[in-house]
Amino acid sequence: MLKAGIKSLTLRALPFSDAVSEQLPLGQLLRLSLFQVSVGMAAVMLLGTLNRVMIVELGVAATIVAIMIAIPVLVAPFRALLGFRSDTYKSAIGWKRIPYLWFGSLWQFGGLAIMPMGLLVLSGDQVAGPEWAGEVGAALAFLLTGIGMHMTQTAGLALAADRATEETRPQVVALLYVMFLVGMGVSALIVGALLQNFSALRLVQVVQGAAVVTLALNIIALWKQERLNPMTKEERAAPRPLFRDAWADLTSGGDAGRLLLVVFFGTMAFNMQDVLLEPYGGEVLGLSVSATTLLTALWAVGALAGFGLAARWLKRSVDPHRMAARGILMGLIAFSAVIFAAPVDSALIFFAGAAGIGLGGGLFAVATLTAAMTLNTQGAAGKGLALGAWGAAQATAAGLSIFIGGAMRDIVNSAALNGTLGEALSSNATGYSVVYHTEIGLLFITLIALGPLVKARAVTTQQAGPVGLADFPT
């Protein structure tokens, strides 16, 4: 009796213990969440460590790097299609999610496995083959990794939702999202430590080691997570539903169009620096690879703090549009800190600005996601489609902003270092500064677009009820 009581008390004291159910016990839930760790690790490699390595250590032009980083982000709008396909997938043994989770893991593994070789050839370390081999190899590696990440995460979240009960599903989804951020933070620290003494061989070892760890984590995550449910030939031959009518219903009126515009401009503002933040620390402030890799961990901490603030404010029924405005204001302060870090030569201000970007961006994302959840959908449109449209707008804006940021930095720095902009601006920090000032301008544009939504609709307890942090999908 005493042992059982202590065990029960221990389980209740664990974070997210309310996510456990008979259908999804604690051991299987924690094991399933490992796919989020692998996706977080891949995100750190693509959006953090590798872009700095390519620009600073390998000397690749920021425009090329921006294109490479943007490739997996631009694939993200297809997540809605992947989720729909796994919903309606018909196999003889009845599996729906496991095939997508497995093949997503293989795509992710394959992309990371060939990536270091593609990057080294891209940097000019080539003795045979066509000149375009580096660009094609690197682009293929980023494409495979991006498709694998999106397929793995979409199928994994759907599988978790299938296995959870109605009561525990929000807590399960929240746990999986936290595991994603934890995976990013821990991976950033480990990868940064491994690449402290950078060399081409060490790069190959770290990236291909991440590929092996990815496959191992995902195999452990999917093992015996979905039951066999054989289908008859007639069931497999039945036609699948279409998205066409539902999409028309969603975009026919209401606040959806303006909200998607806000999401697009706000995401561009917060993500244009994704490919430049670590190179800025290395090239302008003289920080090491290990030190700049910590930026991803700081961003993740800031994002977690933003989610905490969002949870607190949502419990108080704060209008999500006003909450988004607060995130934008935090972003203004954070980008200003990053800009001033160069003239005062302060790494501390730079790190604080990086954490502030995560805080403001996380709060903005949660707020706009909440607004999407509470949209008044009609006809065939449902909340799943509204959230899919939110994700598509966010991913498209992120991909475009990454490319624009890298190209803008290259063009401005070329003019500045050639003396075209004058002696005062003849510095390698000029291009970065222009990008950060552009992001501040986009944040003001986002505030202008957001204004009518704040006036038009305030989410109250009577309209939608309080929405907790655990209710957010990823």
Protein backbone atom coordinates (compact mmCIF):
# COMPACT_ATOMS: atom_id res chain seq x y z
CA MET A 1 0.00 0.00 0.00
CA LEU A 2 2.76 2.44 0.98
CA LYS A 3 4.78 1.63 -2.13
CA ALA A 4 1.74 2.11 -4.38
CA GLY A 5 0.92 5.39 -2.65
CA ILE A 6 4.46 6.72 -3.09
CA LYS A 7 4.45 5.70 -6.77
CA SER A 8 1.09 7.42 -7.32
CA LEU A 9 2.30 10.57 -5.55
CA THR A 10 5.50 10.60 -7.64
CA LEU A 11 3.58 10.30 -10.90
CA ARG A 12 1.22 13.12 -9.91
CA ALA A 13 4.20 15.35 -9.07
CA LEU A 14 5.79 14.89 -12.50
CA PRO A 15 5.28 17.65 -15.10
CA PHE A 16 2.46 16.79 -17.52
CA SER A 17 1.42 13.84 -15.35
CA ASP A 18 -2.17 14.65 -16.30
CA ALA A 19 -1.30 13.62 -19.89
CA VAL A 20 -1.09 9.94 -18.89
CA SER A 21 -4.05 7.64 -19.55
CA GLU A 22 -4.76 3.91 -19.80
CA GLN A 23 -4.58 4.17 -23.61
CA LEU A 24 -1.21 5.97 -23.45
CA PRO A 25 0.74 5.12 -20.28
CA LEU A 26 3.68 7.21 -19.11
CA GLY A 27 6.42 4.98 -20.54
CA GLN A 28 4.92 4.87 -24.02
CA LEU A 29 4.15 8.60 -23.94
CA LEU A 30 7.73 9.53 -23.06
CA ARG A 31 9.05 7.10 -25.65
CA LEU A 32 6.76 8.51 -28.33
CA SER A 33 7.90 12.06 -27.52
CA LEU A 34 11.43 11.20 -28.68
CA PHE A 35 10.52 11.99 -32.30
CA GLN A 36 10.17 15.63 -31.23
CA VAL A 37 13.70 15.56 -29.83
CA SER A 38 15.02 14.38 -33.22
CA VAL A 39 13.09 17.10 -35.06
CA GLY A 40 14.39 19.72 -32.62
CA MET A 41 17.93 18.49 -33.20
CA ALA A 42 17.51 18.77 -36.97
CA ALA A 43 16.06 22.28 -36.58
CA VAL A 44 19.16 23.33 -34.62
CA MET A 45 21.43 21.93 -37.31
CA LEU A 46 19.58 23.63 -40.17
CA LEU A 47 18.63 26.98 -38.66
CA GLY A 48 21.47 27.47 -36.22
CA THR A 49 24.81 25.73 -36.44
CA LEU A 50 25.14 24.98 -40.15
CA ASN A 51 24.29 28.46 -41.40
CA ARG A 52 27.06 29.97 -39.27
CA VAL A 53 29.51 27.23 -40.34
CA MET A 54 28.72 27.77 -44.03
CA ILE A 55 29.10 31.55 -43.89
CA VAL A 56 32.03 31.98 -41.48
CA GLU A 57 34.10 28.76 -41.54
CA LEU A 58 33.38 27.58 -45.10
CA GLY A 59 33.08 31.04 -46.71
CA VAL A 60 29.82 30.40 -48.58
CA ALA A 61 27.88 33.48 -49.70
CA ALA A 62 24.97 34.35 -47.39
CA THR A 63 22.58 34.40 -50.36
CA ILE A 64 23.38 30.75 -51.17
CA VAL A 65 23.10 29.83 -47.49
CA ALA A 66 19.75 31.60 -47.23
CA ILE A 67 18.42 29.64 -50.20
CA MET A 68 19.55 26.36 -48.64
CA ILE A 69 18.03 27.18 -45.24
CA ALA A 70 14.79 28.31 -46.89
CA ILE A 71 14.27 25.04 -48.77
CA PRO A 72 12.99 22.94 -45.83
CA VAL A 73 10.91 25.85 -44.55
CA LEU A 74 9.16 26.30 -47.90
CA VAL A 75 8.16 22.62 -47.84
CA ALA A 76 6.26 23.21 -44.59
CA PRO A 77 2.93 24.27 -46.21
CA PHE A 78 2.56 20.65 -47.36
CA ARG A 79 2.23 19.58 -43.72
CA ALA A 80 -1.53 19.97 -43.97
CA LEU A 81 -1.56 17.60 -46.95
CA LEU A 82 0.69 15.13 -45.13
CA GLY A 83 -1.57 15.16 -42.11
CA PHE A 84 -4.65 14.69 -44.27
CA ARG A 85 -3.03 11.81 -46.12
CA SER A 86 -2.13 10.07 -42.89
CA ASP A 87 -5.71 10.63 -41.69
CA THR A 88 -7.12 8.87 -44.75
CA TYR A 89 -4.30 6.41 -45.50
CA LYS A 90 -5.58 2.90 -46.15
CA SER A 91 -3.30 -0.08 -45.77
CA ALA A 92 -4.04 -3.78 -45.62
CA ILE A 93 -2.81 -4.05 -42.02
CA GLY A 94 -4.58 -0.86 -40.94
CA TRP A 95 -1.61 1.34 -40.02
CA LYS A 96 -2.14 5.04 -40.76
CA ARG A 97 0.57 6.98 -38.92
CA ILE A 98 3.50 4.57 -38.58
CA PRO A 99 4.28 4.42 -42.36
CA TYR A 100 4.54 8.22 -42.53
CA LEU A 101 6.55 8.38 -39.32
CA TRP A 102 8.93 5.69 -40.57
CA PHE A 103 9.50 7.11 -44.05
CA GLY A 104 9.80 10.60 -42.61
CA SER A 105 12.59 9.28 -40.38
CA LEU A 106 14.34 7.77 -43.42
CA TRP A 107 14.13 11.05 -45.36
CA GLN A 108 15.48 12.95 -42.37
CA PHE A 109 18.30 10.42 -41.89
CA GLY A 110 19.23 10.49 -45.59
CA GLY A 111 19.35 14.29 -45.73
CA LEU A 112 21.63 14.59 -42.71
CA ALA A 113 23.83 11.72 -43.91
CA ILE A 114 24.76 13.40 -47.21
CA MET A 115 24.69 16.97 -45.92
CA PRO A 116 28.32 17.46 -44.75
CA MET A 117 29.71 16.20 -48.05
CA GLY A 118 27.44 18.53 -49.97
CA LEU A 119 28.48 21.48 -47.80
CA LEU A 120 32.19 20.80 -48.22
CA VAL A 121 31.83 20.59 -52.01
CA LEU A 122 29.71 23.75 -51.93
CA SER A 123 32.54 25.60 -50.16
CA GLY A 124 34.94 24.78 -53.01
CA ASP A 125 36.63 21.69 -51.57
CA GLN A 126 36.19 19.73 -54.82
CA VAL A 127 38.65 17.89 -57.06
CA ALA A 128 36.31 16.26 -59.60
CA GLY A 129 32.83 16.57 -61.02
CA PRO A 130 30.78 19.49 -62.39
CA GLU A 131 30.95 22.91 -60.73
CA TRP A 132 27.27 22.83 -59.81
CA ALA A 133 27.63 19.59 -57.83
CA GLY A 134 27.98 21.44 -54.53
CA GLU A 135 24.81 23.50 -54.98
CA VAL A 136 22.78 20.46 -56.08
CA GLY A 137 24.14 18.22 -53.33
CA ALA A 138 23.54 20.75 -50.57
CA ALA A 139 20.07 21.63 -51.86
CA LEU A 140 19.14 17.93 -52.03
CA ALA A 141 20.37 17.38 -48.48
CA PHE A 142 18.35 20.29 -47.11
CA LEU A 143 15.27 19.22 -49.10
CA LEU A 144 15.41 15.61 -47.83
CA THR A 145 15.94 16.74 -44.26
CA GLY A 146 13.10 19.27 -44.45
CA ILE A 147 10.62 16.78 -45.91
CA GLY A 148 11.62 14.23 -43.30
CA MET A 149 11.20 16.69 -40.43
CA HIS A 150 7.73 17.77 -41.54
CA MET A 151 6.54 14.25 -42.29
CA THR A 152 7.90 12.85 -39.01
CA GLN A 153 6.46 15.63 -36.88
CA THR A 154 3.06 15.69 -38.57
CA ALA A 155 2.56 11.91 -38.39
CA GLY A 156 3.96 11.72 -34.85
CA LEU A 157 1.63 14.40 -33.51
CA ALA A 158 -1.33 12.77 -35.22
CA LEU A 159 -0.38 9.39 -33.72
CA ALA A 160 -0.16 10.94 -30.26
CA ALA A 161 -3.57 12.55 -30.73
CA ASP A 162 -5.00 9.19 -31.82
CA ARG A 163 -3.73 7.38 -28.74
CA ALA A 164 -4.63 10.06 -26.21
CA THR A 165 -8.12 10.38 -24.75
CA GLU A 166 -10.31 13.45 -25.23
CA GLU A 167 -9.36 14.61 -21.74
CA THR A 168 -5.59 14.12 -22.08
CA ARG A 169 -5.08 15.09 -25.73
CA PRO A 170 -4.31 18.78 -25.06
CA GLN A 171 -1.77 17.86 -22.36
CA VAL A 172 -0.13 15.30 -24.66
CA VAL A 173 0.25 17.82 -27.46
CA ALA A 174 1.67 20.38 -25.01
CA LEU A 175 4.21 17.84 -23.73
CA LEU A 176 5.31 17.05 -27.27
CA TYR A 177 5.83 20.73 -28.07
CA VAL A 178 7.90 21.24 -24.91
CA MET A 179 9.98 18.20 -25.89
CA PHE A 180 10.65 19.86 -29.24
CA LEU A 181 12.01 22.96 -27.53
CA VAL A 182 13.98 20.84 -25.06
CA GLY A 183 15.46 18.91 -27.98
CA MET A 184 16.52 22.18 -29.59
CA GLY A 185 18.10 23.51 -26.41
CA VAL A 186 19.98 20.35 -25.46
CA SER A 187 21.11 19.69 -29.04
CA ALA A 188 22.40 23.26 -29.34
CA LEU A 189 24.59 22.77 -26.27
CA ILE A 190 25.92 19.37 -27.39
CA VAL A 191 26.56 20.36 -31.01
CA GLY A 192 28.22 23.58 -29.89
CA ALA A 193 30.58 21.69 -27.59
CA LEU A 194 31.44 19.13 -30.30
CA LEU A 195 32.21 21.83 -32.88
CA GLN A 196 34.28 24.00 -30.57
CA ASN A 197 37.47 22.87 -32.36
CA PHE A 198 36.10 23.11 -35.91
CA SER A 199 37.47 21.06 -38.80
CA ALA A 200 36.02 19.49 -41.93
CA LEU A 201 36.35 16.01 -40.43
CA ARG A 202 34.64 17.09 -37.21
CA LEU A 203 31.78 18.59 -39.25
CA VAL A 204 31.25 15.27 -41.05
CA GLN A 205 31.34 13.34 -37.77
CA VAL A 206 28.86 15.61 -35.98
CA VAL A 207 26.28 15.90 -38.78
CA GLN A 208 26.35 12.21 -39.71
CA GLY A 209 26.28 11.32 -36.02
CA ALA A 210 23.11 13.39 -35.74
CA ALA A 211 21.66 11.34 -38.62
CA VAL A 212 22.31 8.08 -36.75
CA VAL A 213 20.86 9.49 -33.52
CA THR A 214 17.78 10.67 -35.45
CA LEU A 215 17.06 7.19 -36.80
CA ALA A 216 17.66 5.56 -33.41
CA LEU A 217 15.36 7.98 -31.55
CA ASN A 218 12.57 7.66 -34.09
CA ILE A 219 12.69 3.85 -34.15
CA ILE A 220 12.40 3.84 -30.36
CA ALA A 221 9.56 6.36 -30.60
CA LEU A 222 7.42 4.45 -33.12
CA TRP A 223 8.01 0.91 -31.80
CA LYS A 224 4.63 -0.74 -31.05
CA GLN A 225 2.79 2.58 -30.89
CA GLU A 226 -0.02 1.77 -33.34
CA ARG A 227 -2.22 -1.31 -33.28
CA LEU A 228 -2.91 -3.47 -36.32
CA ASN A 229 -6.40 -2.89 -37.68
CA PRO A 230 -6.75 -4.83 -40.97
CA MET A 231 -9.01 -3.29 -43.63
CA THR A 232 -11.07 -5.06 -46.27
CA LYS A 233 -10.56 -4.47 -49.98
CA GLU A 234 -13.87 -2.56 -50.14
CA GLU A 235 -12.78 -0.21 -47.34
CA ARG A 236 -9.50 0.50 -49.09
CA ALA A 237 -11.28 1.20 -52.40
CA ALA A 238 -13.67 3.78 -50.90
CA PRO A 239 -13.08 7.37 -52.20
CA ARG A 240 -11.34 9.92 -50.00
CA PRO A 241 -12.78 13.36 -49.11
CA LEU A 242 -11.50 16.59 -50.73
CA PHE A 243 -10.30 19.93 -49.32
CA ARG A 244 -11.71 22.19 -52.03
CA ASP A 245 -15.06 23.14 -50.52
CA ALA A 246 -13.67 23.54 -47.02
CA TRP A 247 -10.97 25.94 -48.20
CA ALA A 248 -13.54 28.04 -50.08
CA ASP A 249 -15.64 28.27 -46.92
CA LEU A 250 -12.67 29.39 -44.83
CA THR A 251 -11.57 32.17 -47.18
CA SER A 252 -15.04 33.43 -48.11
CA GLY A 253 -15.24 36.06 -45.35
CA GLY A 254 -14.65 37.03 -41.75
CA ASP A 255 -11.33 37.79 -40.06
CA ALA A 256 -9.37 34.89 -41.58
CA GLY A 257 -7.82 36.92 -44.40
CA ARG A 258 -6.56 39.75 -42.19
CA LEU A 259 -5.30 37.31 -39.57
CA LEU A 260 -3.28 35.44 -42.19
CA LEU A 261 -1.86 38.79 -43.35
CA VAL A 262 -0.79 39.55 -39.77
CA VAL A 263 0.78 36.10 -39.45
CA PHE A 264 2.64 36.57 -42.74
CA PHE A 265 4.18 39.98 -41.96
CA GLY A 266 4.88 39.15 -38.31
CA THR A 267 6.60 35.90 -39.20
CA MET A 268 8.72 37.67 -41.80
CA ALA A 269 9.74 40.22 -39.16
CA PHE A 270 10.79 37.63 -36.59
CA ASN A 271 12.46 35.17 -39.02
CA MET A 272 14.47 37.33 -41.42
CA GLN A 273 17.42 37.10 -39.03
CA ASP A 274 17.35 33.29 -38.73
CA VAL A 275 20.20 32.82 -41.19
CA LEU A 276 22.19 35.81 -39.90
CA LEU A 277 22.10 35.85 -36.11
CA GLU A 278 24.93 33.39 -35.54
CA PRO A 279 27.12 34.73 -38.41
CA TYR A 280 26.56 38.23 -36.97
CA GLY A 281 27.95 37.07 -33.63
CA GLY A 282 30.91 35.36 -35.29
CA GLU A 283 31.82 37.94 -37.95
CA VAL A 284 31.02 41.21 -36.17
CA LEU A 285 31.44 40.38 -32.47
CA GLY A 286 34.17 37.73 -32.93
CA LEU A 287 32.38 34.96 -31.02
CA SER A 288 33.38 31.30 -31.43
CA VAL A 289 31.23 28.57 -32.98
CA SER A 290 30.50 27.22 -29.51
CA ALA A 291 29.44 30.64 -28.21
CA THR A 292 27.15 31.44 -31.16
CA THR A 293 25.52 28.01 -31.02
CA LEU A 294 24.32 28.97 -27.53
CA LEU A 295 22.07 31.50 -29.24
CA THR A 296 19.67 28.72 -30.26
CA ALA A 297 19.45 27.56 -26.65
CA LEU A 298 18.77 31.15 -25.53
CA TRP A 299 16.12 31.49 -28.22
CA ALA A 300 14.43 28.30 -26.96
CA VAL A 301 14.49 29.58 -23.37
CA GLY A 302 12.96 32.85 -24.52
CA ALA A 303 10.28 30.99 -26.48
CA LEU A 304 9.41 28.88 -23.42
CA ALA A 305 9.11 32.07 -21.36
CA GLY A 306 6.80 33.45 -24.05
CA PHE A 307 4.58 30.39 -23.81
CA GLY A 308 4.49 30.77 -20.04
CA LEU A 309 3.35 34.38 -20.33
CA ALA A 310 0.78 33.38 -22.92
CA ALA A 311 -0.65 30.68 -20.64
CA ARG A 312 -0.96 33.16 -17.78
CA TRP A 313 -2.62 35.83 -19.88
CA LEU A 314 -4.97 33.41 -21.62
CA LYS A 315 -6.23 32.20 -18.26
CA ARG A 316 -7.16 35.82 -17.61
CA SER A 317 -9.06 35.91 -20.95
CA VAL A 318 -6.70 38.47 -22.49
CA ASP A 319 -7.55 39.24 -26.12
CA PRO A 320 -5.05 37.21 -28.22
CA HIS A 321 -4.73 40.11 -30.67
CA ARG A 322 -3.55 42.38 -27.85
CA MET A 323 -1.24 39.59 -26.75
CA ALA A 324 0.24 39.48 -30.26
CA ALA A 325 0.83 43.22 -30.05
CA ARG A 326 2.77 42.71 -26.82
CA GLY A 327 4.93 40.13 -28.56
CA ILE A 328 5.63 42.60 -31.36
CA LEU A 329 6.65 45.29 -28.85
CA MET A 330 9.03 42.81 -27.18
CA GLY A 331 10.46 42.08 -30.61
CA LEU A 332 11.12 45.78 -31.19
CA ILE A 333 13.15 45.95 -27.99
CA ALA A 334 15.03 42.72 -28.80
CA PHE A 335 16.06 43.77 -32.32
CA SER A 336 17.17 47.15 -31.00
CA ALA A 337 19.43 45.34 -28.51
CA VAL A 338 20.95 43.21 -31.27
CA ILE A 339 21.66 46.33 -33.35
CA PHE A 340 23.33 48.19 -30.47
CA ALA A 341 25.46 45.15 -29.52
CA ALA A 342 27.87 45.91 -32.41
CA PRO A 343 28.75 49.57 -31.71
CA VAL A 344 29.18 48.94 -27.97
CA ASP A 345 30.90 45.57 -28.62
CA SER A 346 28.80 43.78 -25.99
CA ALA A 347 28.16 40.05 -26.24
CA LEU A 348 25.85 40.30 -23.21
CA ILE A 349 23.50 42.71 -24.97
CA PHE A 350 23.62 40.48 -28.06
CA PHE A 351 22.65 37.36 -26.08
CA ALA A 352 19.87 39.28 -24.31
CA GLY A 353 18.55 40.41 -27.69
CA ALA A 354 18.58 36.83 -28.99
CA ALA A 355 16.56 35.65 -25.98
CA GLY A 356 14.18 38.59 -26.48
CA ILE A 357 13.60 37.59 -30.10
CA GLY A 358 12.57 34.12 -28.91
CA LEU A 359 10.31 35.64 -26.25
CA GLY A 360 8.55 38.05 -28.61
CA GLY A 361 8.35 35.56 -31.47
CA GLY A 362 6.99 32.79 -29.24
CA LEU A 363 4.36 35.07 -27.76
CA PHE A 364 3.34 36.32 -31.22
CA ALA A 365 3.05 32.77 -32.55
CA VAL A 366 0.92 31.61 -29.60
CA ALA A 367 -1.33 34.65 -29.84
CA THR A 368 -2.01 34.33 -33.57
CA LEU A 369 -2.50 30.58 -33.19
CA THR A 370 -5.10 31.24 -30.49
CA ALA A 371 -6.84 33.70 -32.79
CA ALA A 372 -6.88 31.05 -35.54
CA MET A 373 -8.38 28.53 -33.10
CA THR A 374 -11.22 30.91 -32.26
CA LEU A 375 -12.06 31.93 -35.83
CA ASN A 376 -15.75 31.67 -36.66
CA THR A 377 -15.49 28.99 -39.34
CA GLN A 378 -18.47 28.13 -41.51
CA GLY A 379 -19.69 25.46 -43.89
CA ALA A 380 -17.21 22.67 -44.51
CA ALA A 381 -14.32 24.61 -42.97
CA GLY A 382 -13.18 23.38 -39.58
CA LYS A 383 -10.59 24.37 -37.05
CA GLY A 384 -8.08 21.94 -38.51
CA LEU A 385 -8.19 23.79 -41.82
CA ALA A 386 -7.90 27.16 -40.07
CA LEU A 387 -4.82 25.99 -38.20
CA GLY A 388 -3.41 24.53 -41.41
CA ALA A 389 -3.83 27.90 -43.13
CA TRP A 390 -2.08 29.54 -40.19
CA GLY A 391 0.83 27.11 -40.58
CA ALA A 392 1.01 27.65 -44.33
CA ALA A 393 1.15 31.44 -43.97
CA GLN A 394 3.78 31.16 -41.27
CA ALA A 395 5.99 28.70 -43.17
CA THR A 396 5.81 30.61 -46.47
CA ALA A 397 6.71 33.87 -44.75
CA ALA A 398 9.57 32.22 -42.88
CA GLY A 399 11.06 30.80 -46.07
CA LEU A 400 10.80 34.06 -47.99
CA SER A 401 12.17 36.12 -45.12
CA ILE A 402 15.22 33.86 -44.73
CA PHE A 403 16.08 34.27 -48.41
CA ILE A 404 15.45 38.03 -48.40
CA GLY A 405 17.53 38.50 -45.26
CA GLY A 406 20.54 36.66 -46.66
CA ALA A 407 20.37 38.40 -50.04
CA MET A 408 19.96 41.82 -48.42
CA ARG A 409 22.99 41.26 -46.20
CA ASP A 410 25.17 40.27 -49.18
CA ILE A 411 24.09 43.20 -51.38
CA VAL A 412 24.44 45.86 -48.67
CA ASN A 413 27.77 44.54 -47.37
CA SER A 414 29.18 44.43 -50.89
CA ALA A 415 28.30 48.10 -51.38
CA ALA A 416 29.50 49.08 -47.91
CA LEU A 417 32.90 47.39 -48.14
CA ASN A 418 33.47 48.81 -51.63
CA GLY A 419 33.04 52.33 -50.24
CA THR A 420 29.80 52.99 -52.17
CA LEU A 421 27.90 53.91 -49.00
CA GLY A 422 30.61 56.15 -47.62
CA GLU A 423 33.38 55.81 -45.07
CA ALA A 424 31.02 55.83 -42.05
CA LEU A 425 29.23 52.69 -43.27
CA SER A 426 32.32 50.83 -44.53
CA SER A 427 31.92 47.91 -42.13
CA ASN A 428 30.86 44.26 -42.28
CA ALA A 429 28.17 45.10 -39.69
CA THR A 430 26.28 47.38 -42.10
CA GLY A 431 24.47 44.63 -43.99
CA TYR A 432 23.34 42.95 -40.79
CA SER A 433 22.16 46.27 -39.37
CA VAL A 434 20.04 46.98 -42.47
CA VAL A 435 18.35 43.58 -42.10
CA TYR A 436 17.55 44.18 -38.43
CA HIS A 437 16.19 47.66 -39.18
CA THR A 438 14.03 46.14 -41.92
CA GLU A 439 12.63 43.67 -39.40
CA ILE A 440 11.75 46.53 -37.07
CA GLY A 441 9.90 48.19 -39.97
CA LEU A 442 7.99 44.96 -40.66
CA LEU A 443 6.99 44.78 -37.01
CA PHE A 444 5.41 48.23 -37.29
CA ILE A 445 3.59 47.12 -40.47
CA THR A 446 2.31 44.09 -38.56
CA LEU A 447 0.99 46.35 -35.80
CA ILE A 448 -0.89 48.41 -38.41
CA ALA A 449 -2.45 45.28 -39.91
CA LEU A 450 -3.32 43.98 -36.46
CA GLY A 451 -5.15 47.13 -35.34
CA PRO A 452 -8.58 46.43 -36.94
CA LEU A 453 -8.65 42.94 -35.45
CA VAL A 454 -8.15 44.32 -31.94
CA LYS A 455 -11.03 46.75 -32.46
CA ALA A 456 -13.31 44.29 -34.23
CA ARG A 457 -13.23 41.34 -31.87
CA ALA A 458 -12.16 40.60 -28.32
CA VAL A 459 -12.12 36.97 -27.26
CA THR A 460 -14.03 36.61 -24.01
CA THR A 461 -14.80 33.71 -21.76
CA GLN A 462 -18.40 33.71 -22.98
CA GLN A 463 -17.37 33.58 -26.66
CA ALA A 464 -14.67 30.96 -26.64
CA GLY A 465 -13.82 30.10 -23.06
CA PRO A 466 -10.33 30.35 -21.62
CA VAL A 467 -7.77 28.56 -23.72
CA GLY A 468 -4.89 27.02 -21.82
CA LEU A 469 -1.34 26.41 -23.01
CA ALA A 470 -2.04 22.70 -23.29
CA ASP A 471 -4.69 23.40 -25.94
CA PHE A 472 -2.13 24.60 -28.51
CA PRO A 473 -1.20 22.26 -31.35
CA THR A 474 2.32 22.51 -32.75
